Protein backbone atom coordinates (compact mmCIF):
# COMPACT_ATOMS: atom_id res chain seq x y z
CA UNK A 1 130.62 86.83 -10.37
CA UNK A 2 132.20 88.66 -7.38
CA UNK A 3 131.05 91.98 -5.97
CA UNK A 4 133.34 94.04 -3.73
CA UNK A 5 131.34 94.97 -0.64
CA UNK A 6 133.86 97.34 0.96
CA UNK A 7 132.06 100.47 -0.22
CA UNK A 8 128.56 99.09 -0.71
CA UNK A 9 127.13 101.48 1.87
CA UNK A 10 128.56 104.42 -0.06
CA UNK A 11 127.42 103.45 -3.51
CA UNK A 12 124.27 101.59 -2.50
CA UNK A 13 122.53 98.50 -3.89
CA UNK A 14 119.30 98.43 -5.82
CA UNK A 15 117.84 96.34 -8.61
CA UNK A 16 114.66 95.38 -10.46
CA UNK A 17 113.84 93.75 -13.80
CA UNK A 18 112.65 95.06 -17.14
CA UNK A 19 111.83 95.40 -21.02
CA UNK A 20 113.12 95.85 -24.77
CA UNK A 21 113.13 96.90 -28.58
CA UNK A 22 111.88 97.07 -32.15
CA UNK A 23 114.39 95.85 -34.70
CA UNK A 24 117.15 94.19 -32.66
CA UNK A 25 116.11 90.60 -32.14
CA UNK A 26 116.94 86.97 -32.73
CA UNK A 27 117.17 87.64 -36.45
CA UNK A 28 117.13 90.41 -39.05
CA UNK A 29 114.44 93.02 -38.46
CA UNK A 30 111.62 92.62 -40.96
CA UNK A 31 109.23 95.22 -39.60
CA UNK A 32 106.97 92.53 -38.13
CA UNK A 33 109.40 91.00 -35.65
CA UNK A 34 108.51 89.26 -32.41
CA UNK A 35 109.56 92.39 -30.50
CA UNK A 36 106.13 93.94 -30.69
CA UNK A 37 103.68 94.41 -27.83
CA UNK A 38 102.67 90.75 -28.00
CA UNK A 39 106.22 89.40 -27.63
CA UNK A 40 105.74 89.06 -23.89
CA UNK A 41 102.07 88.12 -23.52
CA UNK A 42 102.53 86.89 -19.93
CA UNK A 43 104.00 90.23 -18.84
CA UNK A 44 107.17 88.69 -17.38
CA UNK A 45 109.72 91.03 -15.81
CA UNK A 46 112.61 91.83 -18.14
CA UNK A 47 116.25 92.83 -17.76
CA UNK A 48 118.05 94.83 -20.44
CA UNK A 49 121.72 93.87 -20.70
CA UNK A 50 123.77 96.57 -22.45
CA UNK A 51 127.37 97.68 -22.90
CA UNK A 52 130.13 97.99 -25.52
CA UNK A 53 131.36 95.06 -27.63
CA UNK A 54 133.44 92.49 -25.75
CA UNK A 55 132.54 93.98 -22.36
CA UNK A 56 131.39 90.56 -21.12
CA UNK A 57 127.61 90.83 -21.25
CA UNK A 58 126.99 87.44 -22.84
CA UNK A 59 129.56 85.75 -20.61
CA UNK A 60 127.71 86.94 -17.51
CA UNK A 61 124.46 85.56 -18.83
CA UNK A 62 125.91 82.19 -19.87
CA UNK A 63 127.81 81.58 -16.63
CA UNK A 64 125.09 82.66 -14.24
CA UNK A 65 121.98 81.26 -15.88
CA UNK A 66 123.28 78.44 -18.10
CA UNK A 67 126.09 77.09 -15.90
CA UNK A 68 128.69 77.55 -18.65
CA UNK A 69 132.27 77.23 -17.45
CA UNK A 70 134.04 80.63 -17.36
CA UNK A 71 136.78 79.18 -19.59
CA UNK A 72 134.23 78.24 -22.24
CA UNK A 73 133.16 81.87 -22.55
CA UNK A 74 136.49 82.61 -24.24
CA UNK A 75 135.04 81.03 -27.36
CA UNK A 76 131.79 83.01 -27.41
CA UNK A 77 131.21 85.15 -30.49
CA UNK A 78 130.41 88.84 -30.11
CA UNK A 79 126.72 89.56 -29.94
CA UNK A 80 125.54 91.11 -33.22
CA UNK A 81 121.82 90.91 -32.65
CA UNK A 82 119.38 91.00 -29.77
CA UNK A 83 119.37 87.68 -27.92
CA UNK A 84 116.24 86.98 -25.92
CA UNK A 85 116.63 84.56 -23.01
CA UNK A 86 113.72 83.13 -21.03
CA UNK A 87 114.67 82.39 -17.42
CA UNK A 88 112.14 80.05 -15.85
CA UNK A 89 113.56 78.19 -12.88
CA UNK A 90 110.21 77.76 -11.15
CA UNK A 91 106.68 79.06 -11.15
CA UNK A 92 107.91 81.99 -9.07
CA UNK A 93 111.17 82.98 -10.77
CA UNK A 94 110.30 83.73 -14.39
CA UNK A 95 111.74 86.65 -16.33
CA UNK A 96 113.43 87.60 -19.58
CA UNK A 97 116.92 88.88 -20.31
CA UNK A 98 117.60 90.82 -23.49
CA UNK A 99 121.26 90.91 -24.46
CA UNK A 100 121.90 93.90 -26.76
CA UNK A 101 124.80 94.13 -29.22
CA UNK A 102 127.37 96.76 -28.34
CA UNK A 103 126.82 98.68 -31.57
CA UNK A 104 123.21 99.65 -30.76
CA UNK A 105 122.51 103.09 -32.25
CA UNK A 106 119.84 104.97 -30.29
CA UNK A 107 119.52 107.48 -33.14
CA UNK A 108 118.62 104.81 -35.70
CA UNK A 109 115.02 105.33 -36.82
CA UNK A 110 114.37 101.61 -36.30
CA UNK A 111 115.27 101.83 -32.60
CA UNK A 112 112.00 102.36 -30.75
CA UNK A 113 112.96 103.80 -27.35
CA UNK A 114 109.36 103.86 -26.15
CA UNK A 115 108.96 100.15 -26.73
CA UNK A 116 112.39 99.27 -25.34
CA UNK A 117 112.39 101.30 -22.16
CA UNK A 118 108.69 101.93 -21.54
CA UNK A 119 107.99 98.86 -19.40
CA UNK A 120 111.54 98.22 -18.25
CA UNK A 121 112.21 97.75 -14.56
CA UNK A 122 116.00 97.43 -14.68
CA UNK A 123 118.84 98.07 -17.10
CA UNK A 124 122.25 96.46 -16.51
CA UNK A 125 125.16 98.24 -18.22
CA UNK A 126 128.44 96.30 -18.32
CA UNK A 127 131.82 98.11 -18.39
CA UNK A 128 135.12 96.29 -19.00
CA UNK A 129 137.33 97.45 -16.10
CA UNK A 130 140.49 96.20 -17.89
CA UNK A 131 139.87 98.43 -20.90
CA UNK A 132 139.94 102.20 -21.40
CA UNK A 133 136.38 102.89 -20.26
CA UNK A 134 135.99 106.46 -21.57
CA UNK A 135 133.92 105.28 -24.55
CA UNK A 136 131.91 103.01 -22.26
CA UNK A 137 131.07 105.96 -20.00
CA UNK A 138 129.89 107.99 -22.98
CA UNK A 139 127.68 105.09 -24.05
CA UNK A 140 126.42 104.67 -20.48
CA UNK A 141 125.46 108.34 -20.33
CA UNK A 142 123.59 108.17 -23.63
CA UNK A 143 121.82 104.96 -22.62
CA UNK A 144 120.75 106.21 -19.20
CA UNK A 145 119.52 109.61 -20.38
CA UNK A 146 117.52 108.10 -23.24
CA UNK A 147 115.99 105.46 -20.98
CA UNK A 148 115.21 107.86 -18.12
CA UNK A 149 113.35 110.26 -20.42
CA UNK A 150 111.06 107.42 -21.44
CA UNK A 151 110.73 105.73 -18.05
CA UNK A 152 111.96 107.49 -14.86
CA UNK A 153 111.22 104.38 -12.79
CA UNK A 154 113.98 102.25 -14.33
CA UNK A 155 116.67 100.97 -11.97
CA UNK A 156 120.14 101.41 -13.46
CA UNK A 157 122.81 98.86 -12.49
CA UNK A 158 126.43 99.30 -13.61
CA UNK A 159 128.60 96.16 -13.60
CA UNK A 160 132.31 97.07 -13.49
CA UNK A 161 133.34 93.75 -15.01
CA UNK A 162 136.46 91.59 -15.42
CA UNK A 163 137.95 92.79 -12.14
CA UNK A 164 139.50 89.36 -11.47
CA UNK A 165 142.72 90.58 -13.17
CA UNK A 166 143.00 93.72 -11.05
CA UNK A 167 144.56 94.34 -7.65
CA UNK A 168 142.26 95.29 -4.78
CA UNK A 169 143.45 98.90 -4.88
CA UNK A 170 142.91 99.06 -8.64
CA UNK A 171 139.38 97.65 -8.25
CA UNK A 172 138.37 100.28 -5.70
CA UNK A 173 139.99 103.07 -7.69
CA UNK A 174 138.20 101.96 -10.88
CA UNK A 175 134.88 101.89 -9.04
CA UNK A 176 135.45 105.33 -7.55
CA UNK A 177 136.50 106.82 -10.87
CA UNK A 178 133.63 105.32 -12.87
CA UNK A 179 131.13 106.27 -10.16
CA UNK A 180 132.29 109.88 -10.07
CA UNK A 181 132.59 110.37 -13.82
CA UNK A 182 129.21 108.79 -14.57
CA UNK A 183 127.34 110.81 -11.97
CA UNK A 184 129.15 114.07 -12.80
CA UNK A 185 128.16 113.76 -16.45
CA UNK A 186 124.53 113.11 -15.53
CA UNK A 187 124.46 116.12 -13.19
CA UNK A 188 125.94 118.37 -15.88
CA UNK A 189 123.07 117.40 -18.17
CA UNK A 190 120.43 117.95 -15.50
CA UNK A 191 119.83 114.29 -14.61
CA UNK A 192 120.92 114.58 -10.97
CA UNK A 193 117.82 112.67 -9.80
CA UNK A 194 118.97 109.50 -11.62
CA UNK A 195 120.39 106.86 -9.28
CA UNK A 196 123.11 104.51 -10.54
CA UNK A 197 124.20 101.46 -8.54
CA UNK A 198 127.73 100.12 -9.11
CA UNK A 199 129.10 96.59 -8.61
CA UNK A 200 132.51 94.95 -9.14
CA UNK A 201 131.98 91.67 -11.02
CA UNK A 202 133.79 88.66 -12.42
CA UNK A 203 132.55 85.48 -14.07
CA UNK A 204 135.17 83.52 -12.10
CA UNK A 205 133.16 83.97 -8.90
CA UNK A 206 129.47 84.48 -9.52
CA UNK A 207 128.22 83.48 -6.06
CA UNK A 208 127.64 87.12 -5.19
CA UNK A 209 125.56 87.55 -8.31
CA UNK A 210 122.77 85.68 -6.62
CA UNK A 211 123.05 88.05 -3.69
CA UNK A 212 122.82 90.92 -6.14
CA UNK A 213 119.83 89.37 -7.85
CA UNK A 214 118.19 88.98 -4.44
CA UNK A 215 118.32 92.76 -4.16
CA UNK A 216 115.59 92.82 -6.81
CA UNK A 217 113.34 91.11 -4.26
CA UNK A 218 113.85 93.77 -1.57
CA UNK A 219 111.08 96.38 -1.56
CA UNK A 220 110.72 99.66 0.35
CA UNK A 221 107.66 98.96 2.50
CA UNK A 222 106.66 102.64 2.59
CA UNK A 223 106.58 102.72 -1.20
CA UNK A 224 104.80 99.39 -1.50
CA UNK A 225 101.87 100.27 0.75
CA UNK A 226 98.87 102.17 -0.65
CA UNK A 227 96.27 103.49 1.80
CA UNK A 228 92.83 104.77 0.82
CA UNK A 229 89.69 106.17 2.38
CA UNK A 230 87.15 105.01 -0.18
CA UNK A 231 83.98 107.06 -0.66
CA UNK A 232 82.73 105.49 -3.91
CA UNK A 233 83.68 102.61 -6.24
CA UNK A 234 85.66 104.92 -8.55
CA UNK A 235 88.07 105.73 -5.70
CA UNK A 236 89.46 102.19 -5.80
CA UNK A 237 91.16 102.76 -9.17
CA UNK A 238 91.82 106.47 -8.69
CA UNK A 239 95.48 107.09 -7.81
CA UNK A 240 94.61 110.56 -6.52
CA UNK A 241 92.81 109.01 -3.55
CA UNK A 242 95.91 107.04 -2.51
CA UNK A 243 98.09 108.21 0.37
CA UNK A 244 101.31 106.78 1.73
CA UNK A 245 102.50 105.90 5.23
CA UNK A 246 105.10 108.07 6.95
CA UNK A 247 106.66 104.99 8.53
CA UNK A 248 106.29 101.23 8.49
CA UNK A 249 109.01 100.00 10.87
CA UNK A 250 106.41 99.02 13.45
CA UNK A 251 105.22 96.33 11.04
CA UNK A 252 108.19 95.55 8.79
CA UNK A 253 111.20 96.28 11.02
CA UNK A 254 113.72 99.10 11.37
CA UNK A 255 114.88 98.89 7.74
CA UNK A 256 111.30 99.37 6.53
CA UNK A 257 111.76 96.80 3.81
CA UNK A 258 110.01 93.67 2.57
CA UNK A 259 111.86 90.70 1.13
CA UNK A 260 110.73 88.20 -1.45
CA UNK A 261 108.75 90.07 -4.10
CA UNK A 262 109.22 92.09 -7.26
CA UNK A 263 106.89 94.99 -8.11
CA UNK A 264 105.00 94.50 -4.87
CA UNK A 265 101.88 96.54 -4.14
CA UNK A 266 100.02 96.29 -0.83
CA UNK A 267 96.49 97.67 -0.70
CA UNK A 268 95.05 98.66 2.66
CA UNK A 269 91.70 100.32 2.01
CA UNK A 270 89.05 101.63 4.39
CA UNK A 271 85.54 102.80 3.60
CA UNK A 272 85.57 106.50 4.46
CA UNK A 273 82.88 106.43 7.14
CA UNK A 274 82.44 102.98 8.65
CA UNK A 275 86.10 102.04 8.15
CA UNK A 276 85.28 98.61 6.76
CA UNK A 277 88.70 97.29 5.78
CA UNK A 278 90.24 95.54 2.77
CA UNK A 279 93.75 94.07 2.69
CA UNK A 280 95.33 92.68 -0.47
CA UNK A 281 98.59 92.51 -2.39
CA UNK A 282 99.90 91.98 -5.92
CA UNK A 283 103.38 91.28 -7.30
CA UNK A 284 105.11 90.19 -10.50
CA UNK A 285 107.41 87.56 -9.00
CA UNK A 286 108.16 85.84 -5.70
CA UNK A 287 111.57 84.56 -4.65
CA UNK A 288 112.14 80.82 -5.16
CA UNK A 289 113.68 79.14 -2.06
CA UNK A 290 115.19 76.39 -4.23
CA UNK A 291 117.02 78.92 -6.37
CA UNK A 292 118.27 81.07 -3.48
CA UNK A 293 119.45 78.70 -0.75
CA UNK A 294 116.16 78.44 1.09
CA UNK A 295 115.37 82.17 1.13
CA UNK A 296 111.62 82.64 1.58
CA UNK A 297 109.41 85.66 1.07
CA UNK A 298 108.16 87.68 4.02
CA UNK A 299 104.60 87.03 5.14
CA UNK A 300 103.28 90.49 4.28
CA UNK A 301 99.59 89.81 4.79
CA UNK A 302 100.30 88.05 8.08
CA UNK A 303 102.38 90.96 9.40
CA UNK A 304 99.65 93.52 8.71
CA UNK A 305 96.62 91.38 9.52
CA UNK A 306 98.03 90.66 13.00
CA UNK A 307 97.37 94.33 13.79
CA UNK A 308 93.90 94.48 12.21
CA UNK A 309 90.75 93.61 14.14
CA UNK A 310 88.73 90.60 12.90
CA UNK A 311 86.40 91.21 10.00
CA UNK A 312 88.76 92.72 7.44
CA UNK A 313 88.14 91.62 3.84
CA UNK A 314 90.52 90.06 1.32
CA UNK A 315 88.07 90.11 -1.60
CA UNK A 316 87.95 93.51 -3.28
CA UNK A 317 84.49 92.99 -4.78
CA UNK A 318 83.06 92.25 -1.34
CA UNK A 319 84.73 95.40 -0.02
CA UNK A 320 83.24 97.57 -2.77
CA UNK A 321 79.82 96.08 -2.09
CA UNK A 322 79.96 97.42 1.50
CA UNK A 323 80.09 101.01 0.19
CA UNK A 324 76.30 100.95 -0.10
CA UNK A 325 76.13 100.91 3.71
CA UNK A 326 78.07 104.17 3.99
CA UNK A 327 74.87 106.16 3.58
CA UNK A 328 73.66 104.93 6.98
CA UNK A 329 76.80 105.92 8.87
CA UNK A 330 76.55 108.72 11.43
CA UNK A 331 79.42 110.07 13.58
CA UNK A 332 79.72 108.89 17.18
CA UNK A 333 79.22 111.03 20.28
CA UNK A 334 78.35 114.67 20.79
CA UNK A 335 78.88 117.38 18.20
CA UNK A 336 81.23 119.98 19.73
CA UNK A 337 82.11 122.21 16.79
CA UNK A 338 81.82 122.77 13.06
CA UNK A 339 84.56 124.08 10.80
CA UNK A 340 84.47 125.15 7.15
CA UNK A 341 87.06 126.17 4.57
CA UNK A 342 86.80 128.00 1.24
CA UNK A 343 83.39 129.39 2.17
CA UNK A 344 81.33 130.65 -0.74
CA UNK A 345 83.46 128.92 -3.39
CA UNK A 346 83.06 125.78 -5.45
CA UNK A 347 85.65 124.07 -3.21
CA UNK A 348 83.81 124.79 0.05
CA UNK A 349 84.18 121.96 2.56
CA UNK A 350 82.53 121.28 5.91
CA UNK A 351 83.90 119.43 8.94
CA UNK A 352 82.40 118.39 12.25
CA UNK A 353 84.19 117.60 15.51
CA UNK A 354 82.77 115.18 18.07
CA UNK A 355 83.64 113.78 21.49
CA UNK A 356 82.63 110.43 22.89
CA UNK A 357 83.53 107.69 25.34
CA UNK A 358 84.07 103.99 24.73
CA UNK A 359 80.54 103.34 26.02
CA UNK A 360 79.04 104.91 22.88
CA UNK A 361 77.13 102.17 21.01
CA UNK A 362 79.30 100.69 18.26
CA UNK A 363 82.31 102.85 19.03
CA UNK A 364 84.47 100.13 20.58
CA UNK A 365 84.72 98.14 17.33
CA UNK A 366 85.00 101.37 15.33
CA UNK A 367 87.94 102.51 17.43
CA UNK A 368 89.67 99.16 16.88
CA UNK A 369 89.71 99.90 13.15
CA UNK A 370 90.51 103.59 13.57
CA UNK A 371 93.58 103.09 15.76
CA UNK A 372 95.34 100.98 13.11
CA UNK A 373 96.25 104.24 11.32
CA UNK A 374 98.59 105.04 14.21
CA UNK A 375 100.97 102.28 13.08
CA UNK A 376 101.81 104.23 9.92
CA UNK A 377 101.98 107.76 11.35
CA UNK A 378 102.85 107.76 15.06
CA UNK A 379 106.25 106.51 16.18
CA UNK A 380 106.23 104.01 19.07
CA UNK A 381 102.46 103.77 18.71
CA UNK A 382 100.57 101.47 21.05
CA UNK A 383 96.93 100.53 21.26
CA UNK A 384 95.26 101.84 24.40
CA UNK A 385 93.27 99.92 27.03
CA UNK A 386 89.80 101.16 26.18
CA UNK A 387 88.29 99.36 29.16
CA UNK A 388 89.64 102.16 31.34
CA UNK A 389 86.73 104.62 31.58
CA UNK A 390 89.05 107.63 32.00
CA UNK A 391 89.74 107.77 28.25
CA UNK A 392 88.05 110.46 26.15
CA UNK A 393 87.93 110.43 22.35
CA UNK A 394 87.73 113.35 19.91
CA UNK A 395 86.97 112.76 16.23
CA UNK A 396 86.95 114.89 13.06
CA UNK A 397 84.62 114.03 10.18
CA UNK A 398 84.11 115.69 6.84
CA UNK A 399 80.47 116.02 5.85
CA UNK A 400 80.54 115.77 2.06
CA UNK A 401 77.83 115.71 -0.66
CA UNK A 402 77.07 112.37 -2.27
CA UNK A 403 74.24 111.37 -4.65
CA UNK A 404 72.00 114.26 -3.67
CA UNK A 405 72.52 113.72 0.05
CA UNK A 406 75.57 113.71 2.26
CA UNK A 407 77.93 111.23 3.88
CA UNK A 408 80.78 111.34 6.40
CA UNK A 409 84.49 110.60 6.14
CA UNK A 410 86.86 110.24 9.09
CA UNK A 411 89.65 112.85 8.97
CA UNK A 412 91.49 112.33 12.24
CA UNK A 413 91.16 111.83 15.96
CA UNK A 414 92.74 112.31 19.37
CA UNK A 415 92.66 110.47 22.67
CA UNK A 416 92.87 112.12 26.09
CA UNK A 417 93.38 110.41 29.45
CA UNK A 418 92.05 111.97 32.65
CA UNK A 419 94.87 111.68 35.18
CA UNK A 420 94.44 112.43 38.88
CA UNK A 421 96.25 115.56 40.15
CA UNK A 422 96.85 115.78 43.90
CA UNK A 423 94.94 116.60 46.00
CA UNK A 424 91.57 116.75 44.24
CA UNK A 425 92.05 117.87 40.64
CA UNK A 426 92.10 116.23 37.21
CA UNK A 427 94.95 116.70 34.73
CA UNK A 428 93.94 115.60 31.19
CA UNK A 429 96.83 114.33 29.09
CA UNK A 430 96.66 114.26 25.29
CA UNK A 431 97.95 110.83 24.35
CA UNK A 432 97.35 110.33 20.63
CA UNK A 433 96.73 112.98 18.01
CA UNK A 434 96.43 112.30 14.28
CA UNK A 435 95.11 114.11 11.23
CA UNK A 436 95.22 111.79 8.22
CA UNK A 437 97.30 112.90 5.17
CA UNK A 438 94.37 113.74 2.84
CA UNK A 439 93.17 116.30 5.41
CA UNK A 440 96.43 117.86 6.52
CA UNK A 441 97.24 121.56 5.94
CA UNK A 442 93.56 122.48 6.16
CA UNK A 443 93.71 123.86 9.70
CA UNK A 444 92.07 120.76 11.18
CA UNK A 445 94.88 120.03 13.64
CA UNK A 446 94.59 123.47 15.25
CA UNK A 447 90.80 123.19 15.31
CA UNK A 448 90.93 119.76 16.97
CA UNK A 449 93.37 120.96 19.63
CA UNK A 450 91.22 124.01 20.36
CA UNK A 451 88.13 121.80 20.66
CA UNK A 452 89.93 119.64 23.21
CA UNK A 453 90.91 122.74 25.17
CA UNK A 454 87.40 124.19 25.09
CA UNK A 455 85.86 120.95 26.32
CA UNK A 456 87.73 121.36 29.63
CA UNK A 457 87.89 125.15 30.12
CA UNK A 458 84.69 125.52 32.16
CA UNK A 459 85.40 122.55 34.41
CA UNK A 460 86.81 123.85 37.72
CA UNK A 461 88.13 120.37 38.53
CA UNK A 462 90.61 120.55 35.64
CA UNK A 463 94.05 121.76 36.78
CA UNK A 464 95.78 121.99 33.39
CA UNK A 465 96.27 119.99 30.18
CA UNK A 466 99.49 118.14 29.38
CA UNK A 467 100.80 116.14 26.42
CA UNK A 468 102.35 112.69 26.42
CA UNK A 469 105.71 112.54 24.61
CA UNK A 470 104.83 115.07 21.86
CA UNK A 471 106.37 114.74 18.40
CA UNK A 472 108.12 117.70 16.79
CA UNK A 473 105.10 118.23 14.55
CA UNK A 474 102.69 118.31 17.49
CA UNK A 475 105.00 120.64 19.44
CA UNK A 476 104.86 123.13 16.56
CA UNK A 477 101.07 122.86 16.39
CA UNK A 478 100.70 123.29 20.14
CA UNK A 479 103.04 126.31 20.17
CA UNK A 480 100.98 127.96 17.44
CA UNK A 481 97.62 127.34 19.11
CA UNK A 482 98.80 128.31 22.60
CA UNK A 483 100.60 131.45 21.41
CA UNK A 484 97.55 132.54 19.44
CA UNK A 485 95.31 132.04 22.48
CA UNK A 486 97.71 133.64 24.99
CA UNK A 487 98.03 136.79 22.86
CA UNK A 488 94.48 137.61 24.01
CA UNK A 489 95.39 137.49 27.71
CA UNK A 490 96.21 140.81 29.47
CA UNK A 491 99.33 139.42 31.16
CA UNK A 492 100.82 138.58 27.74
CA UNK A 493 100.51 142.11 26.36
CA UNK A 494 103.57 143.58 24.66
CA UNK A 495 104.34 145.83 27.61
CA UNK A 496 104.12 142.96 30.12
CA UNK A 497 106.25 140.67 27.98
CA UNK A 498 109.22 143.06 28.18
CA UNK A 499 108.99 142.94 31.98
CA UNK A 500 109.83 139.25 32.03
CA UNK A 501 108.05 136.01 32.86
CA UNK A 502 105.73 136.44 35.84
CA UNK A 503 103.57 134.39 38.18
CA UNK A 504 100.56 136.25 36.81
CA UNK A 505 101.25 134.82 33.36
CA UNK A 506 101.34 131.32 34.84
CA UNK A 507 98.11 131.85 36.79
CA UNK A 508 96.22 133.44 33.91
CA UNK A 509 97.30 130.84 31.36
CA UNK A 510 96.36 128.04 33.72
CA UNK A 511 93.03 129.53 34.83
CA UNK A 512 91.75 130.71 31.45
CA UNK A 513 93.39 128.26 29.01
CA UNK A 514 94.42 125.27 31.18
CA UNK A 515 98.03 125.72 29.99
CA UNK A 516 100.64 124.32 32.43
CA UNK A 517 103.56 126.36 33.75
CA UNK A 518 106.22 124.82 31.48
CA UNK A 519 104.22 125.51 28.33
CA UNK A 520 103.28 129.01 29.55
CA UNK A 521 106.99 129.82 29.81
CA UNK A 522 107.60 128.60 26.28
CA UNK A 523 104.69 130.67 24.95
CA UNK A 524 106.05 133.71 26.81
CA UNK A 525 109.40 133.29 25.03
CA UNK A 526 107.69 132.98 21.65
CA UNK A 527 105.57 136.09 22.15
CA UNK A 528 108.40 138.10 23.67
CA UNK A 529 110.53 137.23 20.65
CA UNK A 530 107.71 138.59 18.48
CA UNK A 531 107.62 141.77 20.58
CA UNK A 532 111.40 142.23 20.48
CA UNK A 533 112.94 144.75 18.08
CA UNK A 534 115.77 142.65 16.67
CA UNK A 535 117.47 145.71 15.20
CA UNK A 536 117.79 147.13 18.71
CA UNK A 537 120.95 145.36 19.89
CA UNK A 538 120.32 145.90 23.60
CA UNK A 539 116.70 144.76 23.40
CA UNK A 540 117.67 141.68 21.41
CA UNK A 541 120.53 140.92 23.83
CA UNK A 542 118.18 141.21 26.82
CA UNK A 543 115.85 138.66 25.19
CA UNK A 544 118.66 136.20 24.49
CA UNK A 545 119.96 136.43 28.05
CA UNK A 546 116.47 135.87 29.43
CA UNK A 547 116.11 132.63 27.45
CA UNK A 548 119.66 131.49 28.22
CA UNK A 549 119.15 131.99 31.96
CA UNK A 550 116.39 129.39 31.76
CA UNK A 551 118.53 127.08 29.64
CA UNK A 552 121.38 127.43 32.14
CA UNK A 553 119.39 126.04 35.09
CA UNK A 554 120.52 122.40 34.52
CA UNK A 555 124.16 123.55 34.46
CA UNK A 556 123.67 125.43 37.74
CA UNK A 557 122.27 122.27 39.30
CA UNK A 558 125.25 120.35 37.96
CA UNK A 559 127.60 122.83 39.61
CA UNK A 560 125.69 122.58 42.89
CA UNK A 561 125.86 118.78 42.82
CA UNK A 562 129.58 118.98 42.14
CA UNK A 563 130.19 121.09 45.23
CA UNK A 564 128.29 118.64 47.40
CA UNK A 565 130.26 115.68 46.04
CA UNK A 566 133.54 117.51 46.62
CA UNK A 567 132.84 117.36 50.34
CA UNK A 568 131.99 113.65 50.31
CA UNK A 569 134.53 112.14 47.86
CA UNK A 570 138.27 112.24 47.33
CA UNK A 571 139.67 113.58 44.03
CA UNK A 572 139.89 110.16 42.32
CA UNK A 573 136.39 109.12 43.38
CA UNK A 574 135.06 112.48 42.24
CA UNK A 575 136.57 112.13 38.75
CA UNK A 576 135.08 108.66 38.25
CA UNK A 577 131.65 109.67 39.59
CA UNK A 578 130.85 112.97 37.92
CA UNK A 579 131.75 114.47 34.58
CA UNK A 580 131.27 118.23 34.61
CA UNK A 581 131.25 120.57 31.63
CA UNK A 582 133.92 123.21 31.25
CA UNK A 583 132.84 126.83 31.08
CA UNK A 584 133.62 126.91 27.35
CA UNK A 585 131.57 123.76 26.70
CA UNK A 586 128.66 125.17 28.68
CA UNK A 587 128.65 128.44 26.75
CA UNK A 588 128.87 126.59 23.43
CA UNK A 589 126.00 124.25 24.38
CA UNK A 590 123.85 127.13 25.55
CA UNK A 591 124.35 128.96 22.27
CA UNK A 592 123.41 125.85 20.25
CA UNK A 593 120.30 125.32 22.36
CA UNK A 594 119.32 128.94 22.00
CA UNK A 595 119.74 128.97 18.21
CA UNK A 596 117.60 125.82 17.92
CA UNK A 597 114.86 127.45 19.98
CA UNK A 598 114.98 130.72 18.06
CA UNK A 599 114.53 128.84 14.76
CA UNK A 600 111.53 126.99 16.22
CA UNK A 601 110.03 130.24 17.49
CA UNK A 602 110.50 131.92 14.11
CA UNK A 603 108.47 129.15 12.42
CA UNK A 604 105.68 129.56 14.96
CA UNK A 605 105.58 133.32 14.46
CA UNK A 606 105.52 132.92 10.67
CA UNK A 607 102.42 130.76 11.00
CA UNK A 608 100.84 133.23 13.41
CA UNK A 609 101.43 136.05 10.93
CA UNK A 610 99.97 134.01 8.08
CA UNK A 611 96.80 133.25 10.07
CA UNK A 612 95.94 136.91 10.70
C-alpha cells in the first residue's frame, strides 16, 4: 500500500486503534450476538474499517495482514456482514480489525452507535479514487459525524485508495479535492474541530502501510503526561487534580513525542507537602521490533527518572502509604508573608510565603525534588549549583484544612542569586520563578515577586534587582507589579510623567523599590501611556515620539559606526563589512516595534485597572 508523502506536512498524519457494533457480525444478527460488551474481554485495541461497497477495504486487510497476493484480491467477494479479524503477531502487537459492509445503515434500529463507536480509537474510511467519490464523501460525512457525537476522541483516517492507476497529478488533485470537500462539509455542519487525516494508498505497494501503522505508536508527550500534587488517597483517581506540562522537549526532544506505545499514560505524582514522588506508566500496546524492522519503543521511564533524585517510587500503593506522613510536614525557612483569597466565603484559601537558604535542615533534598517541575514549565531550564551559598530560595505554600487540622501544599517557588556589583554593592538576580498550574491566576505570582522585593528593600547594600532571561509571561508580571508600585512614587505622578523620563525617576525607583534603570524606563512608558489622552492627537503623538526616540538609539549607533568605517575602508570593503538599513526600513521597523510595545502596555494597564 503506497502513501504519497509530497503533502504530508499539509494534511498531517495521525492514527490510533478502536471498536465496533451490535447486529453486523460474522453471521446473521440474533439479538445475542458476540458483539456485546464481552466480545473483547481482553480489551484489545480495535480498528473500524468502513467505506462503500467495492472500495477495497477487504483487499487492504488481506494483503497487509494475511500476505494475500494483490492479484488474488480480484476474486474476493463483497463484504455483506461484519468480519472480525484478530491480529496477534506477538505479545505486544495484538488488536482487532472490524471490516464493515458498505451498506451499513446508521439509522437502522439494530445499529448501536454507542457500542460501535464508544470505545473506538481509530476509524479508517476507504474511498475508491478511481470511482465517482461523491457518494463516498456523503457516507464519510455521515460516518464521522455519528462517530464523533458518541466519541470525540476517535482518530479518523481516510484512505484514498486504488491510486496505482492514476497519474501523479491526478493523485494529488484527488487528495486535494477530497480533503477540501470533506472538511468543508464538516465545517458547514459545525464539526470544525474534527481532524481527518488523508493518505494515498494501493495494495500493489503496501510497504508504506507499515509506516502509517507506526504512526499509531507515536504519542504527544504533553498529552501523555499527567502530573498531580496529591493531598489524600482520593486525589489519585480524581481527574480534577491532574495538571499537564506546558512543554516536554527537555525530556522527549524537540518534537515532544514518544514512540512505541498506544494509549500511553505517564503518571508523575508528588505528595503535596513533602514531594515524595511516584513515577509509572500504562499503555494498551507496545511496538514489536520483529514486525517493524527492529523499531523499538522509547525508554520513557528511563528518560524521566534520569532527572529525578533517588528515592522516587514505582509502586503506587507504597506512594499512597506515604500520605500519612504529610501531617508532619512543615514549610522550610522563615515566614515572610501571608496571603488570602475569597475572604469570608466558603472558598476562602490561605497561603504562606517563606524564604530560606540551602543550609536549612532537610531543604537540600527537598529542593532536588522541587526543581524537577522546571523541566515541564521553564524553557531551557537547568538545575542550579546549590553548594554556592549566594543562592536564596522563596517558597509559596497553601495552608489547607485536612481531617480537623491543617496541612501544607507547595504552590510555587523562586530562586535568587546575589551577584556582586562594583565597587561594594550586591545585585540580586531572579533566576527561576514558577507558580504551578493549580495555583495560577490567584495572584500568587505578584505576591511572590513583591515578597522578593520587600526582602531586599531595607538593605542598603542592595543596588537593584535584575532578572535572568525573563519569559514573556514573567515580563508581563514584572511590568504589572513594578507599575503598580511606581504609581505610588512622587516622581511618577501624572504631571511628572508628561515632562518626560528623568534622572529623579531612576533614582527614586532604585532607592525605594530596587528597580534598575532599564526597567524604570519601561515602567515610565507604561504609566505615561496610561496618563496620555489618546483622543488628543498632539498628546498621543508626543508619547509615540518619546518611545520611538528610545527605540531609535540602536539605529543612531549603527549610523555612527557606518561613518567611522567610511573613513577606514574603501567602498567594496565597506559593503562587505556592514549592512545598514535604509531610512524606509528603519521607519517601518520602528513602527512595528512601537506597535508591539503599545499592545504589551495595554495588557499591563488592563490588569492594573482590574486590580483596583
